Amino acid sequence: MSKPAFLFGKKTAKKSSAKLFINILYPQGSKDKLPVRFLKWLISYGRFIVIIVEVVVLTTFAYRFKLDAELSTLGDKIKNQIPIIESLSGDEALITQTQLKLSTIKKVYTLTPNWQKTLDKISAQLPSGVKINTLSLEPIKNTSSTNFRLTAQGSSNNDVAVFLNGLKNDKSVRNISLNNINFDQGSIVFTVTGVID
């Protein structure tokens, strides 16, 4: 009895010239239609995407509750602070008024750099019987000179004359004029204008 040739590896069988290639990664046969392929993809990978989206939505929903609680707490804190803020409105008005006064003083100080010299010159000529009620200084543009206007009160004609003569004799004071003079309750009220260089 003869044994089959394929068992012993003999070359008794004829060689075939055609080679057969099998790709086991892709299924062979006819391709599925697009809706069927989409359904297969949805069943295999789409469920993971749906689960991830649901996790994100639930996390966002839970986070919204946390933010709502924080917002409510913050709103309560603000409501508790409103009476304190309203009680300080008078202080705020006082602070605003003080800031306005300080800015006005700063503006006058920067626009009139020789204000101290001006005050020194006027006070040097001031007799003991004359009291200054108001004093306004205004710088003259593009010069170092300053216009002044003062309203003063004197006890006698002699005090007013000494004050005016003292200003006229000072070489840095010019254009001195007595603009107004009144008698008020036993004292003389007068207004003087001039320029100090």
C-alpha atoms as a PDB file:
ATOM      1  CA  MET A   1       0.000   0.000   0.000  1.00  0.00           C
ATOM      2  CA  SER A   2       1.452   3.292  -0.940  1.00  0.00           C
ATOM      3  CA  LYS A   3       1.332   6.235   1.428  1.00  0.00           C
ATOM      4  CA  PRO A   4       0.072   9.643   0.329  1.00  0.00           C
ATOM      5  CA  ALA A   5       2.764  11.946  -0.873  1.00  0.00           C
ATOM      6  CA  PHE A   6       1.786  14.954   1.214  1.00  0.00           C
ATOM      7  CA  LEU A   7       2.539  13.079   4.429  1.00  0.00           C
ATOM      8  CA  PHE A   8       6.170  12.482   3.637  1.00  0.00           C
ATOM      9  CA  GLY A   9       6.925  15.725   1.898  1.00  0.00           C
ATOM     10  CA  LYS A  10       7.685  14.192  -1.398  1.00  0.00           C
ATOM     11  CA  LYS A  11       7.404  16.277  -4.475  1.00  0.00           C
ATOM     12  CA  THR A  12       4.917  14.085  -6.074  1.00  0.00           C
ATOM     13  CA  ALA A  13       2.193  16.771  -6.151  1.00  0.00           C
ATOM     14  CA  LYS A  14       2.184  19.315  -8.904  1.00  0.00           C
ATOM     15  CA  LYS A  15       3.165  22.856  -8.033  1.00  0.00           C
ATOM     16  CA  SER A  16       0.506  25.467  -8.546  1.00  0.00           C
ATOM     17  CA  SER A  17       1.579  28.751 -10.012  1.00  0.00           C
ATOM     18  CA  ALA A  18      -1.163  30.898  -8.375  1.00  0.00           C
ATOM     19  CA  LYS A  19      -0.576  32.296  -4.891  1.00  0.00           C
ATOM     20  CA  LEU A  20      -3.359  32.998  -2.490  1.00  0.00           C
ATOM     21  CA  PHE A  21      -3.133  36.117  -0.179  1.00  0.00           C
ATOM     22  CA  ILE A  22      -5.464  36.443   2.767  1.00  0.00           C
ATOM     23  CA  ASN A  23      -5.723  39.740   4.676  1.00  0.00           C
ATOM     24  CA  ILE A  24      -7.241  38.893   8.051  1.00  0.00           C
ATOM     25  CA  LEU A  25      -7.478  42.562   9.165  1.00  0.00           C
ATOM     26  CA  TYR A  26     -10.275  43.495   6.763  1.00  0.00           C
ATOM     27  CA  PRO A  27     -13.285  41.360   6.114  1.00  0.00           C
ATOM     28  CA  GLN A  28     -13.508  40.003   2.617  1.00  0.00           C
ATOM     29  CA  GLY A  29     -16.604  40.133   0.579  1.00  0.00           C
ATOM     30  CA  SER A  30     -19.034  42.825  -0.415  1.00  0.00           C
ATOM     31  CA  LYS A  31     -18.858  46.193   1.395  1.00  0.00           C
ATOM     32  CA  ASP A  32     -21.761  47.266   3.547  1.00  0.00           C
ATOM     33  CA  LYS A  33     -23.850  50.242   2.626  1.00  0.00           C
ATOM     34  CA  LEU A  34     -23.311  53.570   4.405  1.00  0.00           C
ATOM     35  CA  PRO A  35     -26.285  53.367   6.825  1.00  0.00           C
ATOM     36  CA  VAL A  36     -25.241  49.872   7.875  1.00  0.00           C
ATOM     37  CA  ARG A  37     -21.623  50.943   8.409  1.00  0.00           C
ATOM     38  CA  PHE A  38     -22.800  54.002  10.423  1.00  0.00           C
ATOM     39  CA  LEU A  39     -25.003  51.783  12.570  1.00  0.00           C
ATOM     40  CA  LYS A  40     -22.101  49.411  13.231  1.00  0.00           C
ATOM     41  CA  TRP A  41     -19.844  52.362  14.125  1.00  0.00           C
ATOM     42  CA  LEU A  42     -22.545  53.796  16.385  1.00  0.00           C
ATOM     43  CA  ILE A  43     -22.924  50.509  18.205  1.00  0.00           C
ATOM     44  CA  SER A  44     -19.177  50.009  18.654  1.00  0.00           C
ATOM     45  CA  TYR A  45     -17.645  53.516  19.162  1.00  0.00           C
ATOM     46  CA  GLY A  46     -20.635  55.828  19.392  1.00  0.00           C
ATOM     47  CA  ARG A  47     -21.716  54.458  22.758  1.00  0.00           C
ATOM     48  CA  PHE A  48     -18.420  55.632  24.286  1.00  0.00           C
ATOM     49  CA  ILE A  49     -18.956  59.121  22.887  1.00  0.00           C
ATOM     50  CA  VAL A  50     -22.499  59.166  24.277  1.00  0.00           C
ATOM     51  CA  ILE A  51     -21.226  58.083  27.706  1.00  0.00           C
ATOM     52  CA  ILE A  52     -18.508  60.779  27.696  1.00  0.00           C
ATOM     53  CA  VAL A  53     -21.039  63.459  26.695  1.00  0.00           C
ATOM     54  CA  GLU A  54     -23.399  62.336  29.473  1.00  0.00           C
ATOM     55  CA  VAL A  55     -20.579  62.487  32.024  1.00  0.00           C
ATOM     56  CA  VAL A  56     -19.683  66.026  30.891  1.00  0.00           C
ATOM     57  CA  VAL A  57     -23.343  67.134  31.056  1.00  0.00           C
ATOM     58  CA  LEU A  58     -23.847  65.674  34.534  1.00  0.00           C
ATOM     59  CA  THR A  59     -20.597  67.231  35.784  1.00  0.00           C
ATOM     60  CA  THR A  60     -21.633  70.627  34.399  1.00  0.00           C
ATOM     61  CA  PHE A  61     -25.062  70.277  35.962  1.00  0.00           C
ATOM     62  CA  ALA A  62     -23.560  69.481  39.380  1.00  0.00           C
ATOM     63  CA  TYR A  63     -21.083  72.368  39.029  1.00  0.00           C
ATOM     64  CA  ARG A  64     -23.986  74.716  38.279  1.00  0.00           C
ATOM     65  CA  PHE A  65     -25.544  73.848  41.655  1.00  0.00           C
ATOM     66  CA  LYS A  66     -22.247  74.704  43.345  1.00  0.00           C
ATOM     67  CA  LEU A  67     -22.058  78.060  41.522  1.00  0.00           C
ATOM     68  CA  ASP A  68     -25.696  78.845  42.393  1.00  0.00           C
ATOM     69  CA  ALA A  69     -24.931  78.214  46.075  1.00  0.00           C
ATOM     70  CA  GLU A  70     -21.863  80.478  45.929  1.00  0.00           C
ATOM     71  CA  LEU A  71     -23.883  83.199  44.164  1.00  0.00           C
ATOM     72  CA  SER A  72     -26.594  83.034  46.799  1.00  0.00           C
ATOM     73  CA  THR A  73     -24.026  83.279  49.609  1.00  0.00           C
ATOM     74  CA  LEU A  74     -22.337  86.226  47.932  1.00  0.00           C
ATOM     75  CA  GLY A  75     -25.694  87.966  47.430  1.00  0.00           C
ATOM     76  CA  ASP A  76     -26.461  87.573  51.137  1.00  0.00           C
ATOM     77  CA  LYS A  77     -23.074  89.036  52.076  1.00  0.00           C
ATOM     78  CA  ILE A  78     -23.685  92.046  49.801  1.00  0.00           C
ATOM     79  CA  LYS A  79     -27.160  92.595  51.311  1.00  0.00           C
ATOM     80  CA  ASN A  80     -25.606  92.541  54.792  1.00  0.00           C
ATOM     81  CA  GLN A  81     -23.029  95.187  53.786  1.00  0.00           C
ATOM     82  CA  ILE A  82     -25.545  97.639  52.219  1.00  0.00           C
ATOM     83  CA  PRO A  83     -26.520  99.337  55.528  1.00  0.00           C
ATOM     84  CA  ILE A  84     -22.860  99.891  56.389  1.00  0.00           C
ATOM     85  CA  ILE A  85     -22.176 101.455  52.985  1.00  0.00           C
ATOM     86  CA  GLU A  86     -25.281 103.647  53.244  1.00  0.00           C
ATOM     87  CA  SER A  87     -24.223 104.828  56.714  1.00  0.00           C
ATOM     88  CA  LEU A  88     -20.874 105.971  55.294  1.00  0.00           C
ATOM     89  CA  SER A  89     -22.396 108.127  52.537  1.00  0.00           C
ATOM     90  CA  GLY A  90     -21.937 111.285  54.655  1.00  0.00           C
ATOM     91  CA  ASP A  91     -18.263 110.469  55.102  1.00  0.00           C
ATOM     92  CA  GLU A  92     -17.972 109.906  51.366  1.00  0.00           C
ATOM     93  CA  ALA A  93     -19.386 113.371  50.677  1.00  0.00           C
ATOM     94  CA  LEU A  94     -16.927 114.877  53.162  1.00  0.00           C
ATOM     95  CA  ILE A  95     -14.013 113.003  51.551  1.00  0.00           C
ATOM     96  CA  THR A  96     -15.107 114.119  48.074  1.00  0.00           C
ATOM     97  CA  GLN A  97     -15.364 117.726  49.254  1.00  0.00           C
ATOM     98  CA  THR A  98     -11.916 117.526  50.872  1.00  0.00           C
ATOM     99  CA  GLN A  99     -10.426 116.043  47.701  1.00  0.00           C
ATOM    100  CA  LEU A 100     -11.952 118.884  45.674  1.00  0.00           C
ATOM    101  CA  LYS A 101     -10.479 121.463  48.046  1.00  0.00           C
ATOM    102  CA  LEU A 102      -7.067 119.789  47.904  1.00  0.00           C
ATOM    103  CA  SER A 103      -7.125 119.668  44.102  1.00  0.00           C
ATOM    104  CA  THR A 104      -8.068 123.371  44.007  1.00  0.00           C
ATOM    105  CA  ILE A 105      -5.224 124.205  46.382  1.00  0.00           C
ATOM    106  CA  LYS A 106      -2.815 122.150  44.280  1.00  0.00           C
ATOM    107  CA  LYS A 107      -3.972 123.912  41.106  1.00  0.00           C
ATOM    108  CA  VAL A 108      -3.544 127.347  42.682  1.00  0.00           C
ATOM    109  CA  TYR A 109      -0.172 126.333  44.080  1.00  0.00           C
ATOM    110  CA  THR A 110       1.125 125.091  40.729  1.00  0.00           C
ATOM    111  CA  LEU A 111      -0.257 128.073  38.804  1.00  0.00           C
ATOM    112  CA  THR A 112       1.118 130.573  41.341  1.00  0.00           C
ATOM    113  CA  PRO A 113       4.621 129.406  42.199  1.00  0.00           C
ATOM    114  CA  ASN A 114       5.519 132.676  44.008  1.00  0.00           C
ATOM    115  CA  TRP A 115       2.530 132.681  46.377  1.00  0.00           C
ATOM    116  CA  GLN A 116       4.742 132.555  49.459  1.00  0.00           C
ATOM    117  CA  LYS A 117       6.734 135.571  48.287  1.00  0.00           C
ATOM    118  CA  THR A 118       3.467 137.401  47.570  1.00  0.00           C
ATOM    119  CA  LEU A 119       2.108 136.695  51.033  1.00  0.00           C
ATOM    120  CA  ASP A 120       5.407 137.739  52.635  1.00  0.00           C
ATOM    121  CA  LYS A 121       5.407 141.074  50.772  1.00  0.00           C
ATOM    122  CA  ILE A 122       1.801 141.865  51.710  1.00  0.00           C
ATOM    123  CA  SER A 123       2.180 140.837  55.348  1.00  0.00           C
ATOM    124  CA  ALA A 124       5.424 142.858  55.671  1.00  0.00           C
ATOM    125  CA  GLN A 125       3.455 146.040  54.899  1.00  0.00           C
ATOM    126  CA  LEU A 126       0.474 145.164  57.092  1.00  0.00           C
ATOM    127  CA  PRO A 127       0.094 147.394  60.182  1.00  0.00           C
ATOM    128  CA  SER A 128      -1.240 145.908  63.408  1.00  0.00           C
ATOM    129  CA  GLY A 129      -4.592 147.719  63.059  1.00  0.00           C
ATOM    130  CA  VAL A 130      -5.426 146.139  59.647  1.00  0.00           C
ATOM    131  CA  LYS A 131      -6.897 142.665  59.280  1.00  0.00           C
ATOM    132  CA  ILE A 132      -7.173 140.911  55.866  1.00  0.00           C
ATOM    133  CA  ASN A 133     -10.578 139.319  55.269  1.00  0.00           C
ATOM    134  CA  THR A 134     -10.094 137.862  51.766  1.00  0.00           C
ATOM    135  CA  LEU A 135      -7.126 137.494  49.446  1.00  0.00           C
ATOM    136  CA  SER A 136      -7.155 136.221  45.893  1.00  0.00           C
ATOM    137  CA  LEU A 137      -4.066 135.592  43.766  1.00  0.00           C
ATOM    138  CA  GLU A 138      -4.024 135.130  40.020  1.00  0.00           C
ATOM    139  CA  PRO A 139      -0.858 134.505  38.016  1.00  0.00           C
ATOM    140  CA  ILE A 140      -0.231 136.562  34.889  1.00  0.00           C
ATOM    141  CA  LYS A 141       0.410 134.269  31.934  1.00  0.00           C
ATOM    142  CA  ASN A 142       3.954 133.995  30.570  1.00  0.00           C
ATOM    143  CA  THR A 143       5.376 136.098  33.425  1.00  0.00           C
ATOM    144  CA  SER A 144       6.417 135.557  37.019  1.00  0.00           C
ATOM    145  CA  SER A 145       4.088 138.360  38.193  1.00  0.00           C
ATOM    146  CA  THR A 146       0.900 137.846  40.169  1.00  0.00           C
ATOM    147  CA  ASN A 147      -2.283 139.920  40.344  1.00  0.00           C
ATOM    148  CA  PHE A 148      -3.677 140.232  43.844  1.00  0.00           C
ATOM    149  CA  ARG A 149      -6.955 141.483  45.230  1.00  0.00           C
ATOM    150  CA  LEU A 150      -7.536 141.791  48.942  1.00  0.00           C
ATOM    151  CA  THR A 151     -10.332 142.978  51.122  1.00  0.00           C
ATOM    152  CA  ALA A 152      -9.191 144.225  54.506  1.00  0.00           C
ATOM    153  CA  GLN A 153     -10.573 145.912  57.582  1.00  0.00           C
ATOM    154  CA  GLY A 154      -8.828 148.703  59.458  1.00  0.00           C
ATOM    155  CA  SER A 155      -9.563 150.478  62.689  1.00  0.00           C
ATOM    156  CA  SER A 156      -8.550 153.958  61.472  1.00  0.00           C
ATOM    157  CA  ASN A 157      -7.747 156.014  58.354  1.00  0.00           C
ATOM    158  CA  ASN A 158      -4.136 156.178  59.485  1.00  0.00           C
ATOM    159  CA  ASP A 159      -3.785 152.341  59.372  1.00  0.00           C
ATOM    160  CA  VAL A 160      -5.219 152.202  55.848  1.00  0.00           C
ATOM    161  CA  ALA A 161      -2.871 154.983  54.662  1.00  0.00           C
ATOM    162  CA  VAL A 162       0.200 153.292  56.228  1.00  0.00           C
ATOM    163  CA  PHE A 163      -0.702 150.017  54.523  1.00  0.00           C
ATOM    164  CA  LEU A 164      -1.208 151.624  51.089  1.00  0.00           C
ATOM    165  CA  ASN A 165       2.001 153.709  51.370  1.00  0.00           C
ATOM    166  CA  GLY A 166       3.973 150.632  52.374  1.00  0.00           C
ATOM    167  CA  LEU A 167       2.737 148.768  49.298  1.00  0.00           C
ATOM    168  CA  LYS A 168       3.491 151.730  47.007  1.00  0.00           C
ATOM    169  CA  ASN A 169       7.037 152.103  48.391  1.00  0.00           C
ATOM    170  CA  ASP A 170       7.856 148.442  47.687  1.00  0.00           C
ATOM    171  CA  LYS A 171       9.538 148.335  44.254  1.00  0.00           C
ATOM    172  CA  SER A 172       8.280 144.809  43.489  1.00  0.00           C
ATOM    173  CA  VAL A 173       4.637 145.899  43.935  1.00  0.00           C
ATOM    174  CA  ARG A 174       3.055 147.995  41.186  1.00  0.00           C
ATOM    175  CA  ASN A 175      -0.343 149.209  39.947  1.00  0.00           C
ATOM    176  CA  ILE A 176      -1.680 149.650  43.477  1.00  0.00           C
ATOM    177  CA  SER A 177      -5.235 150.976  43.557  1.00  0.00           C
ATOM    178  CA  LEU A 178      -7.826 151.435  46.259  1.00  0.00           C
ATOM    179  CA  ASN A 179     -10.993 150.183  44.601  1.00  0.00           C
ATOM    180  CA  ASN A 180     -13.593 150.346  47.314  1.00  0.00           C
ATOM    181  CA  ILE A 181     -13.914 151.802  50.808  1.00  0.00           C
ATOM    182  CA  ASN A 182     -16.818 151.478  53.252  1.00  0.00           C
ATOM    183  CA  PHE A 183     -17.510 152.148  56.894  1.00  0.00           C
ATOM    184  CA  ASP A 184     -18.951 149.192  58.784  1.00  0.00           C
ATOM    185  CA  GLN A 185     -19.626 149.193  62.548  1.00  0.00           C
ATOM    186  CA  GLY A 186     -16.839 151.571  63.430  1.00  0.00           C
ATOM    187  CA  SER A 187     -14.211 150.041  61.120  1.00  0.00           C
ATOM    188  CA  ILE A 188     -13.080 150.816  57.587  1.00  0.00           C
ATOM    189  CA  VAL A 189     -13.518 148.029  55.001  1.00  0.00           C
ATOM    190  CA  PHE A 190     -11.506 148.540  51.813  1.00  0.00           C
ATOM    191  CA  THR A 191     -10.422 146.641  48.708  1.00  0.00           C
ATOM    192  CA  VAL A 192      -6.922 146.924  47.200  1.00  0.00           C
ATOM    193  CA  THR A 193      -5.680 145.480  43.894  1.00  0.00           C
ATOM    194  CA  GLY A 194      -2.185 145.383  42.432  1.00  0.00           C
ATOM    195  CA  VAL A 195       0.578 143.378  40.822  1.00  0.00           C
ATOM    196  CA  ILE A 196       3.554 141.777  42.576  1.00  0.00           C
ATOM    197  CA  ASP A 197       6.621 140.911  40.503  1.00  0.00           C
END
